[in-house]
Structure formats: C-alpha cells, structure tokens
Amino acid sequence: NTVSLQMNSLKPEDTAVYYCNFRQGSDYWGQGT
C-alpha cells in the first residue's frame, strides 16, 4: 500500500499541492504536500 511519484525536469507550472489517492470503489486521500 505504497505509491511514489518521481518528478523530473520540474517546471514552475508544476507548482501545486500534491495529493496521494487510493481507490477501491471509495477514495482515500492524503493530506497533501
């Protein structure tokens, strides 16, 4: 139950709060980073 996101060549347009999501019918969300 782990997931990662490798982000390369980042751009200013990538600026945001990023949320982790697990889905199995229902959605579960992280607090955001």
Full PDB file with SEQRES, HELIX, SHEET, SSBOND, CRYST1, ORIGX, SCALE, CONECT and MASTER records, all heavy atoms in Angstrom:
SEQRES   1 A   33  ASN THR VAL SER LEU GLN MET ASN SER LEU LYS PRO GLU          
SEQRES   2 A   33  ASP THR ALA VAL TYR TYR CYS ASN PHE ARG GLN GLY SER          
SEQRES   3 A   33  ASP TYR TRP GLY GLN GLY THR                                  
HELIX    1 AA1 PRO A   12  ASP A   14  5                                   3    
SHEET    1 AA1 2 ASN A  21  ARG A  23  0                                        
SHEET    2 AA1 2 ASP A  27  TRP A  29 -1                                        
CRYST1    1.000    1.000    1.000  90.00  90.00  90.00 P 1           1          
ORIGX1      1.000000  0.000000  0.000000        0.00000                         
ORIGX2      0.000000  1.000000  0.000000        0.00000                         
ORIGX3      0.000000  0.000000  1.000000        0.00000                         
SCALE1      1.000000  0.000000  0.000000        0.00000                         
SCALE2      0.000000  1.000000  0.000000        0.00000                         
SCALE3      0.000000  0.000000  1.000000        0.00000                         
ATOM      1  N   ASN A   1       0.826  -1.213   0.000  1.00  0.00           N  
ATOM      2  CA  ASN A   1       0.000   0.000   0.000  1.00  0.00           C  
ATOM      3  C   ASN A   1       0.859   1.262   0.000  1.00  0.00           C  
ATOM      4  O   ASN A   1       0.676   2.166   0.823  1.00  0.00           O  
ATOM      5  CB  ASN A   1      -0.967  -0.001   1.185  1.00  0.00           C  
ATOM      6  CG  ASN A   1      -2.105  -0.978   1.006  1.00  0.00           C  
ATOM      7  OD1 ASN A   1      -2.497  -1.307  -0.113  1.00  0.00           O  
ATOM      8  ND2 ASN A   1      -2.656  -1.451   2.116  1.00  0.00           N  
ATOM      9  N   THR A   2       1.791   1.289  -0.924  1.00  0.00           N  
ATOM     10  CA  THR A   2       2.643   2.454  -1.092  1.00  0.00           C  
ATOM     11  C   THR A   2       2.650   2.877  -2.556  1.00  0.00           C  
ATOM     12  O   THR A   2       2.501   2.051  -3.457  1.00  0.00           O  
ATOM     13  CB  THR A   2       4.085   2.188  -0.642  1.00  0.00           C  
ATOM     14  OG1 THR A   2       4.640   1.107  -1.405  1.00  0.00           O  
ATOM     15  CG2 THR A   2       4.137   1.829   0.831  1.00  0.00           C  
ATOM     16  N   VAL A   3       2.829   4.155  -2.782  1.00  0.00           N  
ATOM     17  CA  VAL A   3       2.907   4.693  -4.131  1.00  0.00           C  
ATOM     18  C   VAL A   3       3.859   5.880  -4.121  1.00  0.00           C  
ATOM     19  O   VAL A   3       3.915   6.633  -3.148  1.00  0.00           O  
ATOM     20  CB  VAL A   3       1.514   5.097  -4.657  1.00  0.00           C  
ATOM     21  CG1 VAL A   3       0.899   6.205  -3.797  1.00  0.00           C  
ATOM     22  CG2 VAL A   3       1.573   5.503  -6.118  1.00  0.00           C  
ATOM     23  N   SER A   4       4.608   6.019  -5.205  1.00  0.00           N  
ATOM     24  CA  SER A   4       5.578   7.097  -5.320  1.00  0.00           C  
ATOM     25  C   SER A   4       5.418   7.800  -6.653  1.00  0.00           C  
ATOM     26  O   SER A   4       4.878   7.248  -7.602  1.00  0.00           O  
ATOM     27  CB  SER A   4       7.006   6.561  -5.186  1.00  0.00           C  
ATOM     28  OG  SER A   4       7.233   5.987  -3.914  1.00  0.00           O  
ATOM     29  N   LEU A   5       5.903   9.010  -6.705  1.00  0.00           N  
ATOM     30  CA  LEU A   5       5.896   9.796  -7.935  1.00  0.00           C  
ATOM     31  C   LEU A   5       7.252  10.452  -8.095  1.00  0.00           C  
ATOM     32  O   LEU A   5       7.608  11.337  -7.310  1.00  0.00           O  
ATOM     33  CB  LEU A   5       4.789  10.856  -7.906  1.00  0.00           C  
ATOM     34  CG  LEU A   5       4.626  11.678  -9.180  1.00  0.00           C  
ATOM     35  CD1 LEU A   5       4.072  10.811 -10.307  1.00  0.00           C  
ATOM     36  CD2 LEU A   5       3.708  12.875  -8.936  1.00  0.00           C  
ATOM     37  N   GLN A   6       7.997  10.006  -9.086  1.00  0.00           N  
ATOM     38  CA  GLN A   6       9.278  10.618  -9.416  1.00  0.00           C  
ATOM     39  C   GLN A   6       9.028  11.748 -10.397  1.00  0.00           C  
ATOM     40  O   GLN A   6       8.474  11.534 -11.474  1.00  0.00           O  
ATOM     41  CB  GLN A   6      10.224   9.589 -10.018  1.00  0.00           C  
ATOM     42  CG  GLN A   6      11.581  10.153 -10.431  1.00  0.00           C  
ATOM     43  CD  GLN A   6      12.396  10.622  -9.255  1.00  0.00           C  
ATOM     44  OE1 GLN A   6      12.484   9.939  -8.237  1.00  0.00           O  
ATOM     45  NE2 GLN A   6      12.989  11.806  -9.370  1.00  0.00           N  
ATOM     46  N   MET A   7       9.427  12.944 -10.030  1.00  0.00           N  
ATOM     47  CA  MET A   7       9.189  14.122 -10.840  1.00  0.00           C  
ATOM     48  C   MET A   7      10.528  14.703 -11.286  1.00  0.00           C  
ATOM     49  O   MET A   7      11.326  15.147 -10.456  1.00  0.00           O  
ATOM     50  CB  MET A   7       8.383  15.168 -10.069  1.00  0.00           C  
ATOM     51  CG  MET A   7       7.063  14.640  -9.525  1.00  0.00           C  
ATOM     52  SD  MET A   7       6.071  15.929  -8.715  1.00  0.00           S  
ATOM     53  CE  MET A   7       7.133  16.309  -7.322  1.00  0.00           C  
ATOM     54  N   ASN A   8      10.758  14.698 -12.582  1.00  0.00           N  
ATOM     55  CA  ASN A   8      11.981  15.232 -13.157  1.00  0.00           C  
ATOM     56  C   ASN A   8      11.667  16.427 -14.048  1.00  0.00           C  
ATOM     57  O   ASN A   8      10.532  16.627 -14.469  1.00  0.00           O  
ATOM     58  CB  ASN A   8      12.709  14.162 -13.971  1.00  0.00           C  
ATOM     59  CG  ASN A   8      13.141  12.970 -13.147  1.00  0.00           C  
ATOM     60  OD1 ASN A   8      13.508  13.109 -11.979  1.00  0.00           O  
ATOM     61  ND2 ASN A   8      13.119  11.791 -13.749  1.00  0.00           N  
ATOM     62  N   SER A   9      12.691  17.198 -14.345  1.00  0.00           N  
ATOM     63  CA  SER A   9      12.554  18.366 -15.217  1.00  0.00           C  
ATOM     64  C   SER A   9      11.381  19.238 -14.795  1.00  0.00           C  
ATOM     65  O   SER A   9      10.543  19.637 -15.611  1.00  0.00           O  
ATOM     66  CB  SER A   9      12.393  17.919 -16.677  1.00  0.00           C  
ATOM     67  OG  SER A   9      13.494  17.140 -17.092  1.00  0.00           O  
ATOM     68  N   LEU A  10      11.334  19.542 -13.532  1.00  0.00           N  
ATOM     69  CA  LEU A  10      10.207  20.289 -12.987  1.00  0.00           C  
ATOM     70  C   LEU A  10      10.135  21.700 -13.553  1.00  0.00           C  
ATOM     71  O   LEU A  10      11.158  22.337 -13.818  1.00  0.00           O  
ATOM     72  CB  LEU A  10      10.292  20.334 -11.468  1.00  0.00           C  
ATOM     73  CG  LEU A  10       9.873  19.034 -10.774  1.00  0.00           C  
ATOM     74  CD1 LEU A  10      10.388  18.995  -9.348  1.00  0.00           C  
ATOM     75  CD2 LEU A  10       8.352  18.897 -10.797  1.00  0.00           C  
ATOM     76  N   LYS A  11       8.916  22.156 -13.726  1.00  0.00           N  
ATOM     77  CA  LYS A  11       8.627  23.479 -14.255  1.00  0.00           C  
ATOM     78  C   LYS A  11       7.844  24.286 -13.229  1.00  0.00           C  
ATOM     79  O   LYS A  11       7.166  23.706 -12.375  1.00  0.00           O  
ATOM     80  CB  LYS A  11       7.799  23.373 -15.540  1.00  0.00           C  
ATOM     81  CG  LYS A  11       8.411  22.514 -16.630  1.00  0.00           C  
ATOM     82  CD  LYS A  11       7.454  22.387 -17.805  1.00  0.00           C  
ATOM     83  CE  LYS A  11       8.039  21.519 -18.898  1.00  0.00           C  
ATOM     84  NZ  LYS A  11       7.094  21.371 -20.043  1.00  0.00           N  
ATOM     85  N   PRO A  12       7.909  25.604 -13.299  1.00  0.00           N  
ATOM     86  CA  PRO A  12       7.088  26.415 -12.388  1.00  0.00           C  
ATOM     87  C   PRO A  12       5.602  26.069 -12.460  1.00  0.00           C  
ATOM     88  O   PRO A  12       4.900  26.182 -11.452  1.00  0.00           O  
ATOM     89  CB  PRO A  12       7.354  27.843 -12.868  1.00  0.00           C  
ATOM     90  CG  PRO A  12       8.727  27.792 -13.436  1.00  0.00           C  
ATOM     91  CD  PRO A  12       8.818  26.443 -14.105  1.00  0.00           C  
ATOM     92  N   GLU A  13       5.136  25.631 -13.619  1.00  0.00           N  
ATOM     93  CA  GLU A  13       3.742  25.255 -13.794  1.00  0.00           C  
ATOM     94  C   GLU A  13       3.364  24.011 -12.996  1.00  0.00           C  
ATOM     95  O   GLU A  13       2.180  23.709 -12.852  1.00  0.00           O  
ATOM     96  CB  GLU A  13       3.428  25.017 -15.280  1.00  0.00           C  
ATOM     97  CG  GLU A  13       3.660  26.230 -16.170  1.00  0.00           C  
ATOM     98  CD  GLU A  13       5.120  26.401 -16.545  1.00  0.00           C  
ATOM     99  OE1 GLU A  13       5.655  25.543 -17.273  1.00  0.00           O  
ATOM    100  OE2 GLU A  13       5.729  27.398 -16.105  1.00  0.00           O  
ATOM    101  N   ASP A  14       4.352  23.280 -12.502  1.00  0.00           N  
ATOM    102  CA  ASP A  14       4.093  22.108 -11.678  1.00  0.00           C  
ATOM    103  C   ASP A  14       3.809  22.471 -10.226  1.00  0.00           C  
ATOM    104  O   ASP A  14       3.462  21.592  -9.427  1.00  0.00           O  
ATOM    105  CB  ASP A  14       5.271  21.139 -11.722  1.00  0.00           C  
ATOM    106  CG  ASP A  14       5.501  20.565 -13.109  1.00  0.00           C  
ATOM    107  OD1 ASP A  14       4.512  20.200 -13.775  1.00  0.00           O  
ATOM    108  OD2 ASP A  14       6.672  20.477 -13.519  1.00  0.00           O  
ATOM    109  N   THR A  15       3.981  23.724  -9.877  1.00  0.00           N  
ATOM    110  CA  THR A  15       3.737  24.166  -8.512  1.00  0.00           C  
ATOM    111  C   THR A  15       2.288  23.912  -8.121  1.00  0.00           C  
ATOM    112  O   THR A  15       1.364  24.367  -8.798  1.00  0.00           O  
ATOM    113  CB  THR A  15       4.066  25.652  -8.353  1.00  0.00           C  
ATOM    114  OG1 THR A  15       5.463  25.865  -8.572  1.00  0.00           O  
ATOM    115  CG2 THR A  15       3.706  26.144  -6.958  1.00  0.00           C  
ATOM    116  N   ALA A  16       2.098  23.176  -7.045  1.00  0.00           N  
ATOM    117  CA  ALA A  16       0.761  22.807  -6.597  1.00  0.00           C  
ATOM    118  C   ALA A  16       0.875  22.018  -5.303  1.00  0.00           C  
ATOM    119  O   ALA A  16       1.965  21.636  -4.882  1.00  0.00           O  
ATOM    120  CB  ALA A  16       0.045  21.966  -7.655  1.00  0.00           C  
ATOM    121  N   VAL A  17      -0.272  21.779  -4.692  1.00  0.00           N  
ATOM    122  CA  VAL A  17      -0.351  20.817  -3.613  1.00  0.00           C  
ATOM    123  C   VAL A  17      -0.650  19.462  -4.237  1.00  0.00           C  
ATOM    124  O   VAL A  17      -1.607  19.324  -4.999  1.00  0.00           O  
ATOM    125  CB  VAL A  17      -1.437  21.178  -2.582  1.00  0.00           C  
ATOM    126  CG1 VAL A  17      -1.526  20.111  -1.500  1.00  0.00           C  
ATOM    127  CG2 VAL A  17      -1.134  22.540  -1.961  1.00  0.00           C  
ATOM    128  N   TYR A  18       0.168  18.483  -3.928  1.00  0.00           N  
ATOM    129  CA  TYR A  18       0.019  17.148  -4.492  1.00  0.00           C  
ATOM    130  C   TYR A  18      -0.609  16.220  -3.468  1.00  0.00           C  
ATOM    131  O   TYR A  18      -0.189  16.175  -2.311  1.00  0.00           O  
ATOM    132  CB  TYR A  18       1.378  16.602  -4.929  1.00  0.00           C  
ATOM    133  CG  TYR A  18       1.876  17.220  -6.216  1.00  0.00           C  
ATOM    134  CD1 TYR A  18       2.290  18.548  -6.252  1.00  0.00           C  
ATOM    135  CD2 TYR A  18       1.914  16.484  -7.398  1.00  0.00           C  
ATOM    136  CE1 TYR A  18       2.726  19.128  -7.435  1.00  0.00           C  
ATOM    137  CE2 TYR A  18       2.352  17.051  -8.579  1.00  0.00           C  
ATOM    138  CZ  TYR A  18       2.758  18.374  -8.589  1.00  0.00           C  
ATOM    139  OH  TYR A  18       3.191  18.938  -9.764  1.00  0.00           O  
ATOM    140  N   TYR A  19      -1.608  15.460  -3.928  1.00  0.00           N  
ATOM    141  CA  TYR A  19      -2.367  14.578  -3.059  1.00  0.00           C  
ATOM    142  C   TYR A  19      -2.240  13.134  -3.507  1.00  0.00           C  
ATOM    143  O   TYR A  19      -2.416  12.818  -4.684  1.00  0.00           O  
ATOM    144  CB  TYR A  19      -3.850  14.946  -3.061  1.00  0.00           C  
ATOM    145  CG  TYR A  19      -4.148  16.331  -2.533  1.00  0.00           C  
ATOM    146  CD1 TYR A  19      -4.149  17.424  -3.382  1.00  0.00           C  
ATOM    147  CD2 TYR A  19      -4.439  16.527  -1.188  1.00  0.00           C  
ATOM    148  CE1 TYR A  19      -4.432  18.693  -2.902  1.00  0.00           C  
ATOM    149  CE2 TYR A  19      -4.722  17.787  -0.703  1.00  0.00           C  
ATOM    150  CZ  TYR A  19      -4.717  18.871  -1.568  1.00  0.00           C  
ATOM    151  OH  TYR A  19      -4.998  20.123  -1.087  1.00  0.00           O  
ATOM    152  N   CYS A  20      -1.982  12.257  -2.575  1.00  0.00           N  
ATOM    153  CA  CYS A  20      -1.983  10.821  -2.805  1.00  0.00           C  
ATOM    154  C   CYS A  20      -3.415  10.304  -2.744  1.00  0.00           C  
ATOM    155  O   CYS A  20      -4.216  10.764  -1.925  1.00  0.00           O  
ATOM    156  CB  CYS A  20      -1.118  10.143  -1.740  1.00  0.00           C  
ATOM    157  SG  CYS A  20      -1.128   8.352  -1.743  1.00  0.00           S  
ATOM    158  N   ASN A  21      -3.741   9.349  -3.600  1.00  0.00           N  
ATOM    159  CA  ASN A  21      -5.090   8.797  -3.658  1.00  0.00           C  
ATOM    160  C   ASN A  21      -5.065   7.288  -3.831  1.00  0.00           C  
ATOM    161  O   ASN A  21      -4.345   6.766  -4.674  1.00  0.00           O  
ATOM    162  CB  ASN A  21      -5.867   9.434  -4.819  1.00  0.00           C  
ATOM    163  CG  ASN A  21      -7.210   8.773  -5.063  1.00  0.00           C  
ATOM    164  OD1 ASN A  21      -7.331   7.878  -5.911  1.00  0.00           O  
ATOM    165  ND2 ASN A  21      -8.222   9.211  -4.334  1.00  0.00           N  
ATOM    166  N   PHE A  22      -5.851   6.600  -3.011  1.00  0.00           N  
ATOM    167  CA  PHE A  22      -6.075   5.170  -3.149  1.00  0.00           C  
ATOM    168  C   PHE A  22      -7.543   4.944  -3.439  1.00  0.00           C  
ATOM    169  O   PHE A  22      -8.401   5.491  -2.744  1.00  0.00           O  
ATOM    170  CB  PHE A  22      -5.680   4.424  -1.869  1.00  0.00           C  
ATOM    171  CG  PHE A  22      -4.210   4.188  -1.714  1.00  0.00           C  
ATOM    172  CD1 PHE A  22      -3.319   5.250  -1.667  1.00  0.00           C  
ATOM    173  CD2 PHE A  22      -3.704   2.900  -1.612  1.00  0.00           C  
ATOM    174  CE1 PHE A  22      -1.967   5.047  -1.532  1.00  0.00           C  
ATOM    175  CE2 PHE A  22      -2.351   2.676  -1.468  1.00  0.00           C  
ATOM    176  CZ  PHE A  22      -1.474   3.749  -1.430  1.00  0.00           C  
ATOM    177  N   ARG A  23      -7.835   4.125  -4.451  1.00  0.00           N  
ATOM    178  CA  ARG A  23      -9.211   3.926  -4.882  1.00  0.00           C  
ATOM    179  C   ARG A  23      -9.555   2.449  -4.993  1.00  0.00           C  
ATOM    180  O   ARG A  23      -8.876   1.691  -5.679  1.00  0.00           O  
ATOM    181  CB  ARG A  23      -9.448   4.616  -6.222  1.00  0.00           C  
ATOM    182  CG  ARG A  23     -10.844   4.444  -6.790  1.00  0.00           C  
ATOM    183  CD  ARG A  23     -11.011   5.301  -8.025  1.00  0.00           C  
ATOM    184  NE  ARG A  23     -10.918   6.709  -7.695  1.00  0.00           N  
ATOM    185  CZ  ARG A  23     -10.740   7.684  -8.588  1.00  0.00           C  
ATOM    186  NH1 ARG A  23     -10.631   7.392  -9.876  1.00  0.00           N  
ATOM    187  NH2 ARG A  23     -10.673   8.945  -8.194  1.00  0.00           N  
ATOM    188  N   GLN A  24     -10.639   2.062  -4.339  1.00  0.00           N  
ATOM    189  CA  GLN A  24     -11.205   0.721  -4.460  1.00  0.00           C  
ATOM    190  C   GLN A  24     -12.705   0.866  -4.268  1.00  0.00           C  
ATOM    191  O   GLN A  24     -13.269   0.413  -3.273  1.00  0.00           O  
ATOM    192  CB  GLN A  24     -10.594  -0.246  -3.446  1.00  0.00           C  
ATOM    193  CG  GLN A  24     -10.925  -1.704  -3.721  1.00  0.00           C  
ATOM    194  CD  GLN A  24     -10.448  -2.615  -2.606  1.00  0.00           C  
ATOM    195  OE1 GLN A  24     -10.976  -2.563  -1.495  1.00  0.00           O  
ATOM    196  NE2 GLN A  24      -9.453  -3.437  -2.900  1.00  0.00           N  
ATOM    197  N   GLY A  25     -13.339   1.505  -5.220  1.00  0.00           N  
ATOM    198  CA  GLY A  25     -14.724   1.903  -5.078  1.00  0.00           C  
ATOM    199  C   GLY A  25     -14.802   3.253  -4.397  1.00  0.00           C  
ATOM    200  O   GLY A  25     -15.310   4.219  -4.971  1.00  0.00           O  
ATOM    201  N   SER A  26     -14.310   3.322  -3.180  1.00  0.00           N  
ATOM    202  CA  SER A  26     -14.225   4.566  -2.429  1.00  0.00           C  
ATOM    203  C   SER A  26     -12.834   5.169  -2.573  1.00  0.00           C  
ATOM    204  O   SER A  26     -11.867   4.464  -2.862  1.00  0.00           O  
ATOM    205  CB  SER A  26     -14.544   4.336  -0.946  1.00  0.00           C  
ATOM    206  OG  SER A  26     -15.846   3.834  -0.772  1.00  0.00           O  
ATOM    207  N   ASP A  27     -12.756   6.474  -2.371  1.00  0.00           N  
ATOM    208  CA  ASP A  27     -11.495   7.197  -2.455  1.00  0.00           C  
ATOM    209  C   ASP A  27     -10.952   7.500  -1.078  1.00  0.00           C  
ATOM    210  O   ASP A  27     -11.685   7.897  -0.174  1.00  0.00           O  
ATOM    211  CB  ASP A  27     -11.678   8.517  -3.205  1.00  0.00           C  
ATOM    212  CG  ASP A  27     -11.759   8.334  -4.702  1.00  0.00           C  
ATOM    213  OD1 ASP A  27     -11.206   7.349  -5.212  1.00  0.00           O  
ATOM    214  OD2 ASP A  27     -12.373   9.197  -5.356  1.00  0.00           O  
ATOM    215  N   TYR A  28      -9.654   7.346  -0.940  1.00  0.00           N  
ATOM    216  CA  TYR A  28      -8.948   7.738   0.265  1.00  0.00           C  
ATOM    217  C   TYR A  28      -7.853   8.707  -0.142  1.00  0.00           C  
ATOM    218  O   TYR A  28      -7.145   8.483  -1.119  1.00  0.00           O  
ATOM    219  CB  TYR A  28      -8.357   6.528   0.987  1.00  0.00           C  
ATOM    220  CG  TYR A  28      -9.403   5.531   1.423  1.00  0.00           C  
ATOM    221  CD1 TYR A  28      -9.733   4.449   0.618  1.00  0.00           C  
ATOM    222  CD2 TYR A  28     -10.067   5.673   2.637  1.00  0.00           C  
ATOM    223  CE1 TYR A  28     -10.706   3.543   1.005  1.00  0.00           C  
ATOM    224  CE2 TYR A  28     -11.035   4.769   3.029  1.00  0.00           C  
ATOM    225  CZ  TYR A  28     -11.350   3.701   2.212  1.00  0.00           C  
ATOM    226  OH  TYR A  28     -12.306   2.800   2.597  1.00  0.00           O  
ATOM    227  N   TRP A  29      -7.708   9.777   0.627  1.00  0.00           N  
ATOM    228  CA  TRP A  29      -6.809  10.864   0.261  1.00  0.00           C  
ATOM    229  C   TRP A  29      -5.775  11.146   1.332  1.00  0.00           C  
ATOM    230  O   TRP A  29      -6.046  11.023   2.530  1.00  0.00           O  
ATOM    231  CB  TRP A  29      -7.595  12.154   0.024  1.00  0.00           C  
ATOM    232  CG  TRP A  29      -8.539  12.094  -1.129  1.00  0.00           C  
ATOM    233  CD1 TRP A  29      -9.853  11.747  -1.093  1.00  0.00           C  
ATOM    234  CD2 TRP A  29      -8.240  12.403  -2.489  1.00  0.00           C  
ATOM    235  NE1 TRP A  29     -10.395  11.816  -2.353  1.00  0.00           N  
ATOM    236  CE2 TRP A  29      -9.433  12.214  -3.225  1.00  0.00           C  
ATOM    237  CE3 TRP A  29      -7.089  12.825  -3.155  1.00  0.00           C  
ATOM    238  CZ2 TRP A  29      -9.493  12.440  -4.598  1.00  0.00           C  
ATOM    239  CZ3 TRP A  29      -7.148  13.041  -4.515  1.00  0.00           C  
ATOM    240  CH2 TRP A  29      -8.338  12.851  -5.226  1.00  0.00           C  
ATOM    241  N   GLY A  30      -4.605  11.541   0.875  1.00  0.00           N  
ATOM    242  CA  GLY A  30      -3.602  12.047   1.782  1.00  0.00           C  
ATOM    243  C   GLY A  30      -3.888  13.493   2.126  1.00  0.00           C  
ATOM    244  O   GLY A  30      -4.808  14.117   1.586  1.00  0.00           O  
ATOM    245  N   GLN A  31      -3.105  14.039   3.020  1.00  0.00           N  
ATOM    246  CA  GLN A  31      -3.317  15.410   3.475  1.00  0.00           C  
ATOM    247  C   GLN A  31      -2.801  16.448   2.485  1.00  0.00           C  
ATOM    248  O   GLN A  31      -3.150  17.625   2.583  1.00  0.00           O  
ATOM    249  CB  GLN A  31      -2.643  15.616   4.840  1.00  0.00           C  
ATOM    250  CG  GLN A  31      -1.137  15.850   4.794  1.00  0.00           C  
ATOM    251  CD  GLN A  31      -0.323  14.602   4.485  1.00  0.00           C  
ATOM    252  OE1 GLN A  31      -0.851  13.488   4.434  1.00  0.00           O  
ATOM    253  NE2 GLN A  31       0.973  14.779   4.291  1.00  0.00           N  
ATOM    254  N   GLY A  32      -1.995  16.022   1.553  1.00  0.00           N  
ATOM    255  CA  GLY A  32      -1.411  16.916   0.573  1.00  0.00           C  
ATOM    256  C   GLY A  32      -0.027  17.376   0.977  1.00  0.00           C  
ATOM    257  O   GLY A  32       0.248  17.596   2.156  1.00  0.00           O  
ATOM    258  N   THR A  33       0.835  17.524  -0.003  1.00  0.00           N  
ATOM    259  CA  THR A  33       2.178  18.024   0.234  1.00  0.00           C  
ATOM    260  C   THR A  33       2.503  19.085  -0.808  1.00  0.00           C  
ATOM    261  O   THR A  33       2.215  18.916  -1.993  1.00  0.00           O  
ATOM    262  CB  THR A  33       3.218  16.884   0.211  1.00  0.00           C  
ATOM    263  OG1 THR A  33       4.507  17.396   0.546  1.00  0.00           O  
ATOM    264  CG2 THR A  33       3.288  16.211  -1.153  1.00  0.00           C  
TER     265      THR A  33                                                      
MASTER        0    0    0    1    2    0    0    6  264    1    0    3          
END                                                                             
